[in-house]
Amino acid sequence: MVHLLKPRGWKPPVRRQFFLDCNEIADLCDSAERIFSGEPSVLQLKAPIKIFGDLHGQFGDLMRLFDEYGAPSTAGDIAYIDYLFLGDYVDRGQHSLETITLLLALKVEYPNNVHLIRGNHEAADINALFGFRIECIERMGERDGIWVWHRINRLFNWLPLAALIEKKIICMHGGIGRSINHVEQIESLQRPITMEAGSIVLMDLLWSDPTENDSVEGLRPNARGPGLVTFGPDRVMEFCNNNDLQLIVRAHECVMDGFERFAQGHLITLFSATNYCGTANNAGAILVLGRDLVVVPKLIHPFTTGNFIARSFT
């Protein structure tokens, strides 16, 4: 799979049938799962590193980001910079299978340099509804597609849940919500873990959002659904002070410039898929974090076709 990484000029396949079969995907999942099962729930990483937000099956955007800002290969920059992906690899886009299988193959090829953590769409109850399950069936047939969907979701239960870079920058998918006050609370989560079996800590970690701006403090109900919250800049500063952190980097929300600062710059929201769901017209971004822990955003702007499933989603 890794040898097929050719970002320049990538075009969607003419045939929708996926090019890997069940046995190949099973082998890939087995290899990746062995690696994930040996990793802690909170990864301890070093700079320099590139950080990617939500991809949502928009494989074309992933290829563009690799083409424009370097790819994780021996021909690219993997020898001197790590890669961290913040979850939501599947759903909504047309190429969830390409996206997740390439990332897993990169993890297997470069286990110490490519890092994946879990998003809220890396859960069967969510990706059964928002595109991944039906993509597996449509592109692999009903029997094989359902089997592959189940197998990849079992692997998702092993994904690490956060990453700490140089003990100063914490990266997660959603946020700190109401319940997370110390990094040790995330470290104590035992994997494999399902959303159904998870605690309020896991729910906050994968689902919570910052409030709409720095003037809205405290905890507020989250429009995403009952039991979910948004957290204000005061919570961000409290968490950073409690854990001697400089910055929180999280994904989970589409933002127009691909990245957005909050809490006087102590939190950054990162989103890497452009023109989300074919309607948002947003840019996508990654963050390049240097050895000095200075964050540099790198952007791509949307194409008009080829990335998303033209359906109405909330």
Foldseek 3Di string as FASTA:
>chain_A
DQVPLDLPPDDPDPALADPDFLVVLLVLLVLLLVLLLPAFLAAEAEDFEKEFFADAQQVNLVSVCCVPPWDCDPVTDQVHYAYEYAENQHFFWLGSVVRVSNLSVSCSVCVRRYAYAYAPCLACVNCVPGPQLVSLCVRHNNVRSNVSSVSSSLSNLSHRAWYQYPLAEIEGAADQFDPRQEPVVSRPDDPSDHPVRDDVRSCRRHPEEAPPAQVDAAWDDDPVDPPYIHHHLVSLVNSCVSRVYQAYEYEHDDDQAQWDAHSVRRYIYGHAYACRSLPNQGKHWMWGQHNVRDTDIDIDGDDNDDIGDNDDDD
